[in-house]
Protein backbone atom coordinates (compact mmCIF):
# COMPACT_ATOMS: atom_id res chain seq x y z
CA MET A 1 65.31 178.88 -16.68
CA GLU A 2 66.37 181.59 -14.21
CA HIS A 3 69.98 180.32 -14.39
CA LYS A 4 69.98 180.62 -18.21
CA LYS A 5 68.61 184.17 -17.97
CA ASN A 6 71.47 185.14 -15.65
CA ILE A 7 74.10 183.67 -18.00
CA TRP A 8 72.48 185.46 -20.93
CA PHE A 9 72.47 188.79 -19.02
CA ILE A 10 76.11 188.46 -17.96
CA THR A 11 77.18 187.54 -21.49
CA CYS A 12 75.40 190.57 -22.97
CA PHE A 13 76.90 192.85 -20.29
CA VAL A 14 80.46 191.62 -20.97
CA VAL A 15 80.01 192.00 -24.73
CA ALA A 16 78.65 195.54 -24.25
CA VAL A 17 81.54 196.58 -21.99
CA LEU A 18 84.08 195.04 -24.37
CA GLY A 19 82.45 196.82 -27.30
CA LEU A 20 82.50 200.12 -25.44
CA PHE A 21 86.18 199.66 -24.57
CA LEU A 22 87.10 198.83 -28.18
CA TYR A 23 85.08 201.77 -29.47
CA THR A 24 86.71 204.15 -26.96
CA HIS A 25 90.18 202.78 -27.70
CA SER A 26 89.65 203.22 -31.44
CA LYS A 27 88.41 206.80 -30.96
CA ILE A 28 91.42 207.70 -28.78
CA ALA A 29 93.80 205.98 -31.19
CA LEU A 30 92.21 207.83 -34.10
CA ALA A 31 92.54 211.11 -32.21
CA ALA A 32 96.20 210.36 -31.52
CA LYS A 33 96.73 209.49 -35.19
CA LYS A 34 95.17 212.79 -36.25
CA GLU A 35 97.18 214.74 -33.70
CA LYS A 36 100.06 215.48 -36.06
CA GLY A 37 97.67 216.73 -38.70
CA GLU A 38 95.87 218.96 -36.22
CA MET A 39 99.20 220.35 -35.00
CA ALA A 40 100.19 221.09 -38.58
CA LYS A 41 96.97 223.05 -39.08
CA ALA A 42 97.67 225.00 -35.90
CA THR A 43 100.99 226.25 -37.32
CA VAL A 44 99.21 228.39 -39.93
CA PRO A 45 99.97 232.01 -38.91
CA THR A 46 97.05 233.69 -37.18
CA GLN A 47 97.19 236.60 -39.59
CA GLU A 48 96.97 234.36 -42.65
CA PHE A 49 94.09 232.35 -41.19
CA PHE A 50 91.98 235.38 -40.25
CA SER A 51 92.88 237.27 -43.40
CA LYS A 52 91.24 234.50 -45.44
CA LEU A 53 88.37 234.13 -43.00
CA ARG A 54 87.57 237.85 -42.83
CA LYS A 55 88.76 238.75 -46.33
CA GLU A 56 91.02 241.44 -44.85
CA PRO A 57 94.55 242.27 -46.01
CA ILE A 58 97.51 241.55 -43.73
CA THR A 59 99.10 244.86 -42.69
CA PRO A 60 101.90 245.90 -40.28
CA ASP A 61 100.76 247.11 -36.87
CA ASP A 62 102.41 250.51 -37.41
CA SER A 63 100.45 251.25 -40.59
CA GLY A 64 97.82 253.39 -38.89
CA ASN A 65 95.06 251.10 -40.14
CA ILE A 66 92.39 250.02 -37.66
CA SER A 67 92.15 246.25 -37.30
CA HIS A 68 88.89 245.57 -35.47
CA GLY A 69 88.33 242.55 -33.26
CA GLY A 70 91.81 242.17 -31.83
CA GLY A 71 94.25 243.15 -34.57
CA LEU A 72 94.26 239.58 -35.89
CA THR A 73 95.35 240.51 -39.41
CA MET A 74 98.27 242.69 -38.33
CA THR A 75 101.95 241.79 -38.06
CA TYR A 76 104.19 242.92 -35.23
CA THR A 77 106.85 245.45 -36.22
CA GLY A 78 108.52 246.36 -32.93
CA PRO A 79 110.12 249.65 -31.80
CA LYS A 80 112.01 251.74 -34.34
CA GLU A 81 114.67 252.66 -31.79
CA LEU A 82 116.04 250.89 -28.75
CA PHE A 83 118.73 251.86 -26.25
CA PRO A 84 121.12 249.16 -25.01
CA GLY A 85 120.75 247.83 -21.50
CA GLU A 86 123.48 248.29 -18.93
CA GLY A 87 125.13 246.30 -16.16
CA LYS A 88 126.47 242.77 -16.37
CA TYR A 89 123.45 241.61 -18.40
CA GLY A 90 123.36 244.76 -20.53
CA LYS A 91 124.16 242.94 -23.78
CA LEU A 92 121.07 240.79 -23.39
CA PHE A 93 118.29 243.39 -23.29
CA ASN A 94 117.25 246.85 -24.41
CA PHE A 95 115.21 249.84 -23.28
CA LEU A 96 112.79 252.10 -25.09
CA PRO A 97 114.15 255.68 -25.43
CA LEU A 98 111.74 256.55 -22.60
CA ILE A 99 114.35 255.28 -20.12
CA ARG A 100 116.59 258.33 -20.66
CA TRP A 101 114.18 260.46 -18.62
CA TYR A 102 114.26 258.05 -15.67
CA ALA A 103 117.93 257.01 -15.71
CA PRO A 104 119.40 260.39 -16.70
CA GLU A 105 123.00 259.81 -15.68
CA GLN A 106 123.23 256.77 -17.95
CA TYR A 107 121.20 258.05 -20.90
CA TYR A 108 119.76 261.59 -21.00
CA ASN A 109 123.01 263.27 -19.95
CA ASN A 110 125.01 261.12 -22.37
CA ASP A 111 125.53 262.87 -25.73
CA LYS A 112 124.83 259.59 -27.51
CA TYR A 113 121.26 259.38 -26.16
CA HIS A 114 120.49 263.03 -25.43
CA PRO A 115 117.27 264.23 -27.13
CA ASP A 116 117.84 266.91 -29.74
CA SER A 117 116.66 270.44 -28.95
CA PRO A 118 115.61 272.92 -31.66
CA VAL A 119 116.82 275.83 -29.49
CA GLU A 120 120.46 276.91 -29.44
CA GLY A 121 122.35 279.24 -27.15
CA GLU A 122 123.32 279.83 -23.52
CA TYR A 123 120.63 281.05 -21.13
CA ALA A 124 120.52 282.12 -17.48
CA GLY A 125 117.67 281.23 -15.15
CA ASP A 126 115.69 284.46 -15.54
CA GLN A 127 115.82 284.07 -19.32
CA CYS A 128 114.47 280.52 -19.00
CA ILE A 129 111.48 281.86 -17.05
CA VAL A 130 110.60 284.38 -19.77
CA CYS A 131 110.40 281.75 -22.51
CA HIS A 132 108.93 278.90 -20.48
CA SER A 133 106.17 281.08 -19.08
CA VAL A 134 104.76 280.73 -22.60
CA GLN A 135 106.09 277.30 -23.59
CA THR A 136 105.44 275.37 -20.36
CA PRO A 137 103.58 277.72 -17.98
CA GLY A 138 102.66 274.90 -15.60
CA ILE A 139 106.20 274.13 -14.50
CA VAL A 140 107.02 277.83 -14.13
CA ALA A 141 104.01 278.27 -11.82
CA GLN A 142 105.11 275.22 -9.82
CA TRP A 143 108.65 276.55 -9.47
CA LYS A 144 107.38 279.95 -8.33
CA ARG A 145 105.53 278.23 -5.46
CA SER A 146 108.59 276.20 -4.45
CA LYS A 147 111.27 276.85 -1.87
CA HIS A 148 113.73 276.94 -4.74
CA ALA A 149 112.09 280.19 -5.88
CA ASN A 150 111.35 281.39 -2.34
CA PRO A 151 114.32 280.30 -0.23
CA PRO A 152 114.60 280.93 3.51
CA GLU A 153 116.54 283.98 4.60
CA GLY A 154 120.24 283.59 3.92
CA LYS A 155 119.77 281.00 1.15
CA GLU A 156 120.18 281.60 -2.57
CA GLN A 157 117.40 281.09 -5.08
CA VAL A 158 117.75 277.88 -7.11
CA GLY A 159 116.89 278.67 -10.72
CA CYS A 160 116.55 276.53 -13.83
CA ASP A 161 120.23 276.81 -14.81
CA ARG A 162 121.36 275.56 -11.38
CA CYS A 163 119.90 272.09 -12.08
CA HIS A 164 119.72 271.93 -15.89
CA GLY A 165 122.74 273.96 -17.03
CA THR A 166 122.79 276.88 -19.44
CA ASN A 167 123.52 275.26 -22.84
CA HIS A 168 120.09 274.59 -24.35
CA LYS A 169 121.51 272.02 -26.77
CA LYS A 170 123.00 270.07 -23.87
CA LEU A 171 120.50 270.57 -21.06
CA GLN A 172 120.97 268.14 -18.19
CA MET A 173 118.29 266.05 -16.49
CA PRO A 174 119.07 266.17 -12.75
CA GLY A 175 119.53 262.92 -10.86
CA TYR A 176 120.13 262.29 -7.17
CA ASN A 177 123.72 263.58 -7.34
CA THR A 178 122.48 266.98 -8.55
CA CYS A 179 120.03 267.21 -5.64
CA GLY A 180 122.71 265.93 -3.27
CA GLU A 181 124.88 268.99 -3.87
CA CYS A 182 122.46 270.97 -1.69
CA HIS A 183 120.90 268.07 0.24
CA PRO A 184 123.86 265.85 1.28
CA LYS A 185 122.14 264.29 4.30
CA GLN A 186 119.17 263.12 2.22
CA LEU A 187 121.48 261.83 -0.52
CA THR A 188 123.48 259.80 2.01
CA GLY A 189 120.30 258.20 3.30
CA HIS A 190 118.97 257.52 -0.17
CA ARG A 191 122.19 255.78 -1.24
CA SER A 192 122.79 253.75 1.94
CA GLY A 193 119.80 251.40 1.88
CA GLU A 194 119.99 247.63 1.72
CA GLN A 195 118.37 245.38 -0.86
CA GLY A 196 114.68 246.14 -1.10
CA SER A 197 115.18 249.89 -0.69
CA HIS A 198 115.05 252.73 -3.20
CA THR A 199 118.85 252.49 -3.26
CA HIS A 200 118.68 249.35 -5.42
CA ALA A 201 115.28 249.77 -7.08
CA TYR A 202 116.85 250.17 -10.54
CA ARG A 203 120.38 248.78 -10.60
CA VAL A 204 119.35 245.51 -8.93
CA SER A 205 115.57 245.17 -9.29
CA VAL A 206 115.62 246.08 -13.00
CA LEU A 207 119.09 245.50 -14.41
CA GLU A 208 119.37 242.08 -12.75
CA ALA A 209 115.72 241.00 -12.88
CA ALA A 210 114.96 238.07 -15.17
CA TRP A 211 111.56 239.47 -16.15
CA GLN A 212 113.10 242.74 -17.32
CA ILE A 213 115.92 241.01 -19.17
CA GLU A 214 114.00 238.35 -21.07
CA LYS A 215 110.82 240.16 -22.14
CA PRO A 216 110.48 242.68 -25.00
CA ALA A 217 111.52 246.19 -23.91
CA GLU A 218 108.15 247.69 -24.79
CA GLU A 219 106.33 245.19 -22.55
CA VAL A 220 108.26 246.01 -19.38
CA SER A 221 108.99 249.71 -19.91
CA ALA A 222 106.53 250.60 -17.13
CA CYS A 223 108.41 248.38 -14.66
CA ALA A 224 111.69 250.00 -15.67
CA THR A 225 110.46 253.59 -15.39
CA CYS A 226 108.81 253.12 -11.98
CA HIS A 227 111.89 251.45 -10.52
CA ALA A 228 114.27 253.87 -12.24
CA ILE A 229 112.68 257.05 -10.92
CA ALA A 230 112.63 255.55 -7.40
CA GLU A 231 116.40 255.11 -7.43
CA ASN A 232 117.78 257.59 -9.93
CA ARG A 233 115.79 260.73 -9.27
CA CYS A 234 114.36 262.54 -6.25
CA ASP A 235 111.19 263.86 -7.87
CA GLY A 236 109.54 260.45 -7.72
CA CYS A 237 108.45 261.41 -4.19
CA HIS A 238 108.37 265.22 -4.26
CA THR A 239 107.51 265.98 -7.85
CA ARG A 240 109.03 268.72 -9.95
CA HIS A 241 109.00 271.64 -10.03
CA GLU A 242 107.45 272.38 -6.66
CA PHE A 243 109.39 269.71 -4.73
CA SER A 244 106.96 269.84 -1.83
CA MET A 245 107.76 268.05 1.42
CA ALA A 246 104.05 268.16 2.25
CA GLU A 247 103.28 266.25 -0.95
CA ALA A 248 105.94 263.62 -0.20
CA ARG A 249 104.42 262.96 3.23
CA LYS A 250 101.04 261.87 1.82
CA PRO A 251 100.35 258.14 1.31
CA ASN A 252 98.85 258.53 -2.17
CA ASN A 253 102.30 259.72 -3.28
CA CYS A 254 103.83 256.37 -2.26
CA GLY A 255 100.83 254.61 -3.79
CA VAL A 256 101.96 255.51 -7.32
CA CYS A 257 104.51 252.67 -7.12
CA HIS A 258 103.58 250.64 -4.06
CA THR A 259 100.34 249.19 -5.36
CA GLY A 260 98.92 246.05 -6.99
CA LEU A 261 99.54 242.29 -6.96
CA ASP A 262 103.14 241.79 -5.78
CA HIS A 263 103.35 245.11 -3.88
CA TYR A 264 99.98 245.72 -2.25
CA GLU A 265 101.21 248.19 0.39
CA TYR A 266 98.94 251.12 -0.56
CA GLU A 267 95.79 248.98 -0.78
CA MET A 268 96.53 247.40 2.59
CA TYR A 269 97.17 250.76 4.22
CA LYS A 270 93.91 252.20 2.87
CA GLN A 271 91.93 249.19 4.14
CA SER A 272 93.31 249.62 7.67
CA TYR A 273 92.01 251.95 10.38
CA HIS A 274 95.06 254.12 9.78
CA GLY A 275 94.12 254.49 6.12
CA MET A 276 90.47 255.09 6.93
CA ILE A 277 91.37 257.92 9.30
CA TYR A 278 93.71 259.42 6.69
CA GLU A 279 91.00 259.35 4.04
CA ALA A 280 88.44 260.79 6.45
CA ASP A 281 90.52 263.55 8.02
CA GLY A 282 93.71 263.90 5.96
CA SER A 283 92.47 266.82 3.90
CA SER A 284 92.33 268.94 7.06
CA TRP A 285 95.82 268.05 8.36
CA ASP A 286 98.68 270.52 8.14
CA TRP A 287 101.14 268.54 6.04
CA THR A 288 103.87 271.14 6.44
CA LYS A 289 104.39 270.00 10.04
CA PRO A 290 106.99 267.36 10.95
CA LEU A 291 105.80 263.74 11.08
CA LYS A 292 105.20 263.51 14.83
CA PRO A 293 102.29 261.79 16.66
CA GLU A 294 101.08 265.10 18.05
CA ASN A 295 100.77 266.54 14.51
CA TYR A 296 98.94 263.67 12.77
CA ARG A 297 96.01 261.61 14.02
CA ALA A 298 97.14 258.48 12.13
CA PRO A 299 100.48 257.35 10.76
CA THR A 300 101.31 257.52 7.05
CA CYS A 301 103.87 255.64 4.97
CA ALA A 302 106.57 258.25 5.58
CA PHE A 303 105.63 258.49 9.27
CA CYS A 304 106.66 254.86 9.81
CA HIS A 305 109.28 254.26 7.12
CA MET A 306 111.04 257.65 6.95
CA LYS A 307 111.09 258.82 10.57
CA ASP A 308 112.46 262.33 11.02
CA GLY A 309 113.06 262.58 7.26
CA GLU A 310 115.35 259.55 7.11
CA HIS A 311 115.83 258.75 3.40
CA ASN A 312 117.13 255.23 3.97
CA VAL A 313 113.70 253.57 3.94
CA MET A 314 115.16 250.23 5.06
CA LYS A 315 116.60 251.67 8.27
CA ASP A 316 113.28 251.33 10.07
CA SER A 317 111.88 248.52 7.96
CA THR A 318 111.26 244.94 9.00
CA ILE A 319 113.50 242.10 7.82
CA TYR A 320 113.81 242.07 4.02
CA SER A 321 112.07 238.99 2.65
CA HIS A 322 112.07 239.51 -1.11
CA MET A 323 108.67 241.18 -1.26
CA GLY A 324 107.23 238.73 1.27
CA THR A 325 108.12 235.62 -0.77
CA SER A 326 110.80 234.44 1.67
CA LEU A 327 109.82 233.12 5.09
CA VAL A 328 111.36 234.66 8.18
CA ASP A 329 110.09 234.99 11.74
CA ARG A 330 110.46 238.72 12.33
CA GLY A 331 109.92 238.17 16.03
CA ALA A 332 112.92 235.83 16.39
CA PRO A 333 115.51 236.80 19.07
CA GLN A 334 118.13 237.95 16.54
CA TYR A 335 115.71 240.64 15.34
CA LYS A 336 114.90 241.94 18.83
CA ALA A 337 116.22 245.45 18.13
CA LYS A 338 114.10 245.76 14.97
CA ARG A 339 110.98 244.58 16.80
CA GLU A 340 111.53 246.96 19.68
CA GLY A 341 112.01 249.79 17.20
CA TRP A 342 108.61 249.08 15.67
CA ILE A 343 106.94 248.85 19.05
CA LYS A 344 108.43 252.23 19.92
CA THR A 345 107.02 253.66 16.67
CA CYS A 346 103.56 252.38 17.57
CA GLN A 347 103.90 253.86 21.06
CA GLY A 348 103.16 257.27 19.61
CA CYS A 349 99.49 256.26 19.90
CA HIS A 350 99.34 252.71 21.37
CA SER A 351 100.54 250.81 24.41
CA PRO A 352 103.62 248.64 23.84
CA ARG A 353 101.64 245.55 24.86
CA PHE A 354 99.03 246.22 22.17
CA ALA A 355 101.74 246.77 19.53
CA LYS A 356 103.57 243.59 20.58
CA ASP A 357 100.43 241.47 20.18
CA GLN A 358 99.66 242.99 16.78
CA LEU A 359 103.14 242.27 15.46
CA GLU A 360 103.12 238.73 16.85
CA ALA A 361 99.82 238.13 15.06
CA MET A 362 101.57 239.14 11.83
CA ASP A 363 104.38 236.63 12.52
CA GLU A 364 101.98 233.76 13.06
CA ALA A 365 99.76 234.56 10.07
CA VAL A 366 102.80 234.65 7.79
CA LYS A 367 104.15 231.34 9.06
CA VAL A 368 100.87 229.47 8.62
CA SER A 369 100.48 230.93 5.10
CA PHE A 370 103.67 229.16 4.08
CA THR A 371 102.28 225.77 5.13
CA LYS A 372 99.81 226.11 2.24
CA TYR A 373 102.54 227.09 -0.18
CA ARG A 374 104.73 224.15 0.86
CA GLU A 375 101.79 221.78 0.46
CA ALA A 376 101.11 223.15 -3.02
CA THR A 377 104.77 223.09 -4.05
CA GLY A 378 105.15 219.47 -2.97
CA ILE A 379 102.27 218.54 -5.27
CA VAL A 380 103.77 220.44 -8.22
CA ALA A 381 107.30 219.09 -7.69
CA ALA A 382 105.94 215.52 -7.59
CA LEU A 383 104.24 216.10 -10.96
CA TYR A 384 107.60 217.10 -12.42
CA GLU A 385 109.43 214.16 -10.85
CA ASP A 386 106.83 211.75 -12.25
CA GLY A 387 107.02 213.31 -15.70
CA VAL A 388 103.33 214.23 -15.88
CA LEU A 389 103.55 218.03 -16.06
CA ASP A 390 102.00 219.29 -19.26
CA PRO A 391 104.12 220.76 -20.64
CA MET A 392 107.41 219.61 -19.13
CA PRO A 393 110.22 222.25 -19.04
CA GLU A 394 111.92 220.82 -22.11
CA ASP A 395 108.69 221.30 -24.08
CA LEU A 396 108.64 225.07 -23.44
CA ALA A 397 110.61 227.95 -24.88
CA PRO A 398 114.02 228.15 -23.16
CA ASP A 399 114.23 230.41 -20.11
CA TRP A 400 116.23 233.66 -20.01
CA ALA A 401 119.49 231.70 -19.73
CA GLY A 402 118.71 229.47 -22.72
CA HIS A 403 118.01 226.50 -20.44
CA TYR A 404 115.03 224.22 -19.78
CA THR A 405 115.22 224.06 -15.99
CA PHE A 406 112.13 223.28 -13.89
CA SER A 407 110.93 226.57 -12.40
CA LEU A 408 111.02 225.37 -8.77
CA TYR A 409 114.49 223.83 -8.82
CA PRO A 410 117.92 225.50 -8.42
CA GLY A 411 118.71 227.46 -11.56
CA GLY A 412 115.03 227.59 -12.46
CA GLU A 413 113.11 230.81 -12.87
CA GLY A 414 109.96 231.61 -10.92
CA ARG A 415 107.58 233.27 -13.36
CA MET A 416 103.98 233.61 -14.47
CA PHE A 417 104.53 232.85 -18.17
CA ASN A 418 106.17 230.21 -20.36
CA GLU A 419 105.31 227.39 -17.95
CA SER A 420 102.60 224.86 -17.17
CA GLU A 421 99.27 225.96 -15.71
CA VAL A 422 99.96 224.31 -12.35
CA GLU A 423 103.34 226.07 -12.07
CA ARG A 424 101.68 229.39 -12.83
CA LEU A 425 99.12 228.83 -10.08
CA ASN A 426 101.91 227.90 -7.68
CA PHE A 427 103.86 231.05 -8.59
CA GLU A 428 100.81 233.26 -8.06
CA MET A 429 100.11 231.64 -4.71
CA LEU A 430 103.53 232.69 -3.43
CA VAL A 431 104.18 236.01 -5.15
CA TYR A 432 100.66 237.44 -5.11
CA ILE A 433 98.89 235.75 -2.18
CA ASN A 434 101.49 234.74 0.44
CA ASN A 435 102.86 238.22 -0.10
CA ALA A 436 99.38 239.71 0.40
CA VAL A 437 98.99 237.94 3.74
CA TYR A 438 102.22 239.53 4.97
CA LYS A 439 101.46 243.00 3.57
CA ALA A 440 97.93 242.93 5.00
CA MET A 441 99.00 241.86 8.49
CA ALA A 442 101.93 244.30 8.50
CA HIS A 443 99.56 247.18 7.70
CA PHE A 444 96.67 245.89 9.91
CA ALA A 445 94.32 245.34 6.97
CA TRP A 446 92.23 242.62 8.58
CA TYR A 447 89.77 241.99 5.76
CA ASN A 448 92.49 241.62 3.14
CA ALA A 449 94.51 239.33 5.40
CA THR A 450 91.74 236.74 5.21
CA TYR A 451 88.66 237.14 2.98
CA GLY A 452 89.90 239.79 0.57
CA LEU A 453 93.33 239.06 -0.85
CA GLY A 454 95.01 236.71 1.60
CA ALA A 455 94.41 233.46 3.45
CA PHE A 456 91.06 232.49 1.94
CA MET A 457 92.35 233.34 -1.53
CA GLN A 458 95.18 230.89 -0.81
CA ASP A 459 92.57 228.22 -0.13
CA ARG A 460 91.17 228.73 -3.62
CA TRP A 461 94.58 228.51 -5.26
CA LEU A 462 95.51 225.39 -3.28
CA THR A 463 92.28 223.74 -4.40
CA GLN A 464 92.95 224.73 -8.02
CA ILE A 465 96.45 223.27 -7.84
CA LYS A 466 95.11 219.99 -6.43
CA ALA A 467 92.40 219.85 -9.10
CA GLU A 468 94.92 220.44 -11.90
CA ALA A 469 97.32 217.86 -10.42
CA SER A 470 94.47 215.34 -10.20
CA ARG A 471 93.52 216.01 -13.83
CA LEU A 472 97.11 215.60 -15.04
CA ARG A 473 97.61 212.34 -13.16
CA ARG A 474 94.32 210.81 -14.28
CA LEU A 475 95.01 211.77 -17.89
CA ALA A 476 98.50 210.29 -17.70
CA GLU A 477 97.11 207.02 -16.31
CA LEU A 478 94.47 206.86 -19.05
CA GLU A 479 97.00 207.54 -21.82
CA LYS A 480 99.32 204.88 -20.41
CA LYS A 481 96.50 202.34 -20.21
CA VAL A 482 95.43 202.79 -23.83
CA GLY A 483 98.98 203.13 -25.16
CA ILE A 484 99.09 206.79 -26.16
CA LYS A 485 102.44 208.57 -26.15
CA HIS A 486 101.39 212.22 -26.15
CA LYS A 487 103.68 214.70 -27.86
CA THR A 488 103.41 218.22 -26.41
CA TYR A 489 101.85 220.66 -28.81
CA ASP A 490 104.26 223.02 -30.51
CA PHE A 491 102.32 226.11 -29.40
CA TRP A 492 103.92 225.73 -25.96
CA LYS A 493 107.34 226.29 -27.54
CA HIS A 494 106.67 228.71 -30.38
CA GLY A 495 104.31 231.52 -31.25
CA GLU A 496 104.36 235.12 -32.41
CA TYR A 497 104.98 236.39 -28.85
CA THR A 498 106.81 233.36 -27.44
CA ASP A 499 109.47 233.60 -30.14
CA LEU A 500 110.33 237.11 -28.87
CA LEU A 501 111.56 235.78 -25.51
CA LEU A 502 115.27 236.07 -24.77
CA GLY A 503 115.87 232.34 -24.33
CA TRP A 504 115.69 231.79 -28.09
CA LYS A 505 118.41 234.39 -28.68
CA ARG A 506 121.03 233.33 -26.13
CA LYS A 507 124.50 232.40 -27.37
CA GLU A 508 127.43 230.83 -25.55
CA GLY A 509 129.57 233.51 -23.88
CA ASP A 510 127.23 236.43 -24.55
CA ILE A 511 127.76 237.62 -20.97
CA ALA A 512 130.92 237.51 -18.86
CA GLU A 513 129.24 235.78 -15.93
CA SER A 514 125.94 233.96 -15.74
CA PRO A 515 124.52 233.50 -12.26
CA HIS A 516 120.75 233.50 -12.17
CA PRO A 517 119.44 237.08 -12.04
CA GLY A 518 117.51 238.25 -9.02
CA HIS A 519 113.71 238.12 -9.14
CA HIS A 520 111.56 241.21 -8.97
C-alpha cells in the first residue's frame, strides 16, 4: 500500500511540474507574440497620447502656454537662431548665440555675429562713463575701484575705449590677446599650457569633444560657455570690471568651474583641512599679499597651481590623466622632478617626509581603484562578446560618427547616454568615481576618498554592475530555453530626444578627417 502511495505522489508531482512548465511556456510565448503589438502601441507620440488622456490641445513649447505635469502635450521647437561650430568638426554642430560673449574673437568681434547696438557714434572713455553711470552703474563702480582706473605712478589709466574701441556700433569684446597687450608675461603663460590646461579648455575640450558635437546646442551651452571663458577670456578668474588679483586668489573663484561629478576639485579642497582653515579664517586674510606661506595659513588653488602668478596652470600640475580617467603612477621614476616639485610646495608648512608619504598614499589609492574598474569592465565586455547586452550597440541610435561601435572598444565612445544600463554604470564608475578617488586623495579629502564619493561608492557601482550582468545572463538563458528570440524595443533607437542626436544626421564626407574626438 505504501509503495502505491509513493507512485501516486510521484505521478501527481510530475504532472503538476509539467503543467506548470506548459503554462509558463504558453504565457511567455503569448507575451512574445504580443510584443510587436505592444511595441506598435508604444510608437504613439507622447503628446498625442496625453492630449487624448488629459483632453488638452497639443501646442508648441514656445507658445507661452503653461503645460502642467511635465509639458507632455507640447512639441519641441528648438532655437530660432544658431551659430555654426568651428574647427575640424565645425560643420557637424552649432552654438547658441550666447557663445559670442565667451568666444569673442570667433563670434562677437566678427561683423557677421556681432550683436546690434541702438547707439551710433564714436565715443572716448570719459564719455562712456557719463552714459554708463546711468545705464550700467554697477560696472562703472567696479571700474572706478580697479587698477585700470587707479594705475600706479607712471602708468596710464585704462579706460573703456582702450579695451572696447570707440565705435559704438562695432564695440569689441576683449579676449586674451587684448589683455596681453599690457600683460605679455601672463598671456605667454596662459597660452603655453599642455592638454588639460586653460590653454586648451575650449579649442580642444569643446570643439573636439564628442559630447559637445553630438548633442543639441541648447543642452550643452553651459559646458561650452564655462570652457570658453576659461580659454578665451581673462575675466573668468578676475572678473570685469574690477579685475582684482585678490579675487582671483580665492578658491571659490576657481570653484565656479572646478566643481561637480567629473571635476570635483572644489568639493575635495573644501573637505580637506586646507579648505576648513580657509573657510574658518579666510575672511580675515589679506588677499592683496603675494601667495607665500608666510602670508596665508593654508594653501589655496592658486597657491599650489599658479605659484608666483604663473598662468600656465599645468607647469606645476601632476601628470595629466584625462581628468583622472587614465591610470598613471605619478610617483614613477620618470616623474621624479614633478614629485620633488610638489614636495617642495608642501614644504612651506610641512616636512618633506610627511609630504612624500601623503603623495605616495595618493598613488596607491588611485592604483587600487582601477582594479575595481578593470573587474567591472571585464564583466561588461564579456556581456558584449556573448551577445547578451540589452540593448546591443546596433540596437541603439548611431554614435556621433554614425557608427554602432561598442562603447568600450577602439572607435567606441564612452558616454552616459544612448547605451545599455550596464555600460552607463561602468562609465560612471570611471568618470565620476575613479576620478573622485584621485581628486580626493590629491586634495587630502579623506572622507570623500572613501565613504563620501570614492572607494566605497565604487563598491556600490561594482555590485550594481554584477547584479545587472547576472540579470542579463539569466534572462538570456531563460529566453534561449523557452525559444524566445527577443527583438530590442524601438525606443532604444528612436524617440523625441534620441532622434536629435548627431549620429542620425551624419553623411559620408561631411568632415575632412574623422578620427574619434577627444572626450571631455
